[in-house]
Amino acid sequence: MTTVQQFRSAVRPSAQIHIAGVPWPAYKVVALGIGLLVLVIVGAATASAAPAVLAGAATATVVWLGLSVFSSDSAER
């Protein structure tokens, strides 16, 4: 096991959330929740769908990819 793998396993244990019987990594659910929150906030602030959708999607993507670095599932690949 490399030092990076040891760091990843120490920082974040593998966590899964079951949605409709399907296990999802917790970081994906967190990313989708944060993206939804940004969608609602930007939508309320601008009263326009386009910037709200773009901001929500961009935020969810960045959080998803950022948290996947520390996921122990991706360390096994």
C-alpha atoms as a PDB file:
ATOM      1  CA  MET A   1       0.000   0.000   0.000  1.00  0.00           C
ATOM      2  CA  THR A   2       1.418   3.383  -0.968  1.00  0.00           C
ATOM      3  CA  THR A   3       1.518   6.452   1.215  1.00  0.00           C
ATOM      4  CA  VAL A   4      -1.248   8.099  -0.827  1.00  0.00           C
ATOM      5  CA  GLN A   5      -3.521   5.100  -0.329  1.00  0.00           C
ATOM      6  CA  GLN A   6      -2.792   5.101   3.398  1.00  0.00           C
ATOM      7  CA  PHE A   7      -3.616   8.820   3.561  1.00  0.00           C
ATOM      8  CA  ARG A   8      -6.879   8.344   1.680  1.00  0.00           C
ATOM      9  CA  SER A   9      -7.980   5.490   3.914  1.00  0.00           C
ATOM     10  CA  ALA A  10      -7.117   7.487   7.032  1.00  0.00           C
ATOM     11  CA  VAL A  11      -8.859  10.669   5.885  1.00  0.00           C
ATOM     12  CA  ARG A  12     -12.141   9.200   4.771  1.00  0.00           C
ATOM     13  CA  PRO A  13     -13.531   5.743   5.373  1.00  0.00           C
ATOM     14  CA  SER A  14     -15.702   4.172   2.695  1.00  0.00           C
ATOM     15  CA  ALA A  15     -19.289   5.251   3.312  1.00  0.00           C
ATOM     16  CA  GLN A  16     -22.353   4.330   1.317  1.00  0.00           C
ATOM     17  CA  ILE A  17     -25.917   5.572   1.367  1.00  0.00           C
ATOM     18  CA  HIS A  18     -28.682   3.310   0.097  1.00  0.00           C
ATOM     19  CA  ILE A  19     -31.232   5.034  -2.136  1.00  0.00           C
ATOM     20  CA  ALA A  20     -34.036   2.808  -3.396  1.00  0.00           C
ATOM     21  CA  GLY A  21     -31.902  -0.205  -2.575  1.00  0.00           C
ATOM     22  CA  VAL A  22     -28.926   1.010  -4.607  1.00  0.00           C
ATOM     23  CA  PRO A  23     -25.707   1.824  -2.716  1.00  0.00           C
ATOM     24  CA  TRP A  24     -24.278   5.267  -3.557  1.00  0.00           C
ATOM     25  CA  PRO A  25     -20.942   6.571  -2.312  1.00  0.00           C
ATOM     26  CA  ALA A  26     -21.648   9.295   0.238  1.00  0.00           C
ATOM     27  CA  TYR A  27     -19.554  11.893  -1.599  1.00  0.00           C
ATOM     28  CA  LYS A  28     -21.862  11.649  -4.637  1.00  0.00           C
ATOM     29  CA  VAL A  29     -24.965  12.261  -2.535  1.00  0.00           C
ATOM     30  CA  VAL A  30     -23.257  15.210  -0.823  1.00  0.00           C
ATOM     31  CA  ALA A  31     -22.257  16.685  -4.201  1.00  0.00           C
ATOM     32  CA  LEU A  32     -25.795  16.387  -5.543  1.00  0.00           C
ATOM     33  CA  GLY A  33     -27.213  17.987  -2.387  1.00  0.00           C
ATOM     34  CA  ILE A  34     -24.814  20.928  -2.567  1.00  0.00           C
ATOM     35  CA  GLY A  35     -25.595  21.360  -6.273  1.00  0.00           C
ATOM     36  CA  LEU A  36     -29.316  21.418  -5.496  1.00  0.00           C
ATOM     37  CA  LEU A  37     -28.763  23.971  -2.743  1.00  0.00           C
ATOM     38  CA  VAL A  38     -26.815  26.238  -5.120  1.00  0.00           C
ATOM     39  CA  LEU A  39     -29.549  25.811  -7.742  1.00  0.00           C
ATOM     40  CA  VAL A  40     -32.201  27.017  -5.304  1.00  0.00           C
ATOM     41  CA  ILE A  41     -30.129  29.923  -3.948  1.00  0.00           C
ATOM     42  CA  VAL A  42     -29.068  31.222  -7.373  1.00  0.00           C
ATOM     43  CA  GLY A  43     -32.578  30.699  -8.707  1.00  0.00           C
ATOM     44  CA  ALA A  44     -34.061  32.747  -5.889  1.00  0.00           C
ATOM     45  CA  ALA A  45     -31.433  35.465  -6.242  1.00  0.00           C
ATOM     46  CA  THR A  46     -31.677  35.845 -10.016  1.00  0.00           C
ATOM     47  CA  ALA A  47     -35.255  34.676 -10.699  1.00  0.00           C
ATOM     48  CA  SER A  48     -33.901  33.036 -13.846  1.00  0.00           C
ATOM     49  CA  ALA A  49     -33.488  29.354 -14.606  1.00  0.00           C
ATOM     50  CA  ALA A  50     -30.420  29.489 -16.858  1.00  0.00           C
ATOM     51  CA  PRO A  51     -27.849  30.813 -14.371  1.00  0.00           C
ATOM     52  CA  ALA A  52     -29.343  28.699 -11.594  1.00  0.00           C
ATOM     53  CA  VAL A  53     -29.023  25.468 -13.570  1.00  0.00           C
ATOM     54  CA  LEU A  54     -25.520  26.282 -14.782  1.00  0.00           C
ATOM     55  CA  ALA A  55     -24.303  27.251 -11.306  1.00  0.00           C
ATOM     56  CA  GLY A  56     -25.895  24.186  -9.701  1.00  0.00           C
ATOM     57  CA  ALA A  57     -24.459  21.805 -12.290  1.00  0.00           C
ATOM     58  CA  ALA A  58     -20.994  23.378 -12.131  1.00  0.00           C
ATOM     59  CA  THR A  59     -20.960  23.265  -8.340  1.00  0.00           C
ATOM     60  CA  ALA A  60     -22.127  19.650  -8.204  1.00  0.00           C
ATOM     61  CA  THR A  61     -19.486  18.636 -10.758  1.00  0.00           C
ATOM     62  CA  VAL A  62     -16.640  20.366  -8.934  1.00  0.00           C
ATOM     63  CA  VAL A  63     -17.672  18.955  -5.547  1.00  0.00           C
ATOM     64  CA  TRP A  64     -18.197  15.465  -7.025  1.00  0.00           C
ATOM     65  CA  LEU A  65     -14.756  15.415  -8.635  1.00  0.00           C
ATOM     66  CA  GLY A  66     -13.081  17.075  -5.661  1.00  0.00           C
ATOM     67  CA  LEU A  67     -14.474  14.655  -3.105  1.00  0.00           C
ATOM     68  CA  SER A  68     -13.847  11.637  -5.330  1.00  0.00           C
ATOM     69  CA  VAL A  69     -10.119  12.214  -4.853  1.00  0.00           C
ATOM     70  CA  PHE A  70     -10.481  11.332  -1.174  1.00  0.00           C
ATOM     71  CA  SER A  71     -12.851   8.421  -1.696  1.00  0.00           C
ATOM     72  CA  SER A  72     -11.370   5.046  -0.859  1.00  0.00           C
ATOM     73  CA  ASP A  73     -13.404   3.549  -3.726  1.00  0.00           C
ATOM     74  CA  SER A  74     -11.450   5.563  -6.300  1.00  0.00           C
ATOM     75  CA  ALA A  75      -8.163   4.668  -4.591  1.00  0.00           C
ATOM     76  CA  GLU A  76      -8.757   1.018  -5.450  1.00  0.00           C
ATOM     77  CA  ARG A  77      -9.008   1.688  -9.207  1.00  0.00           C
END
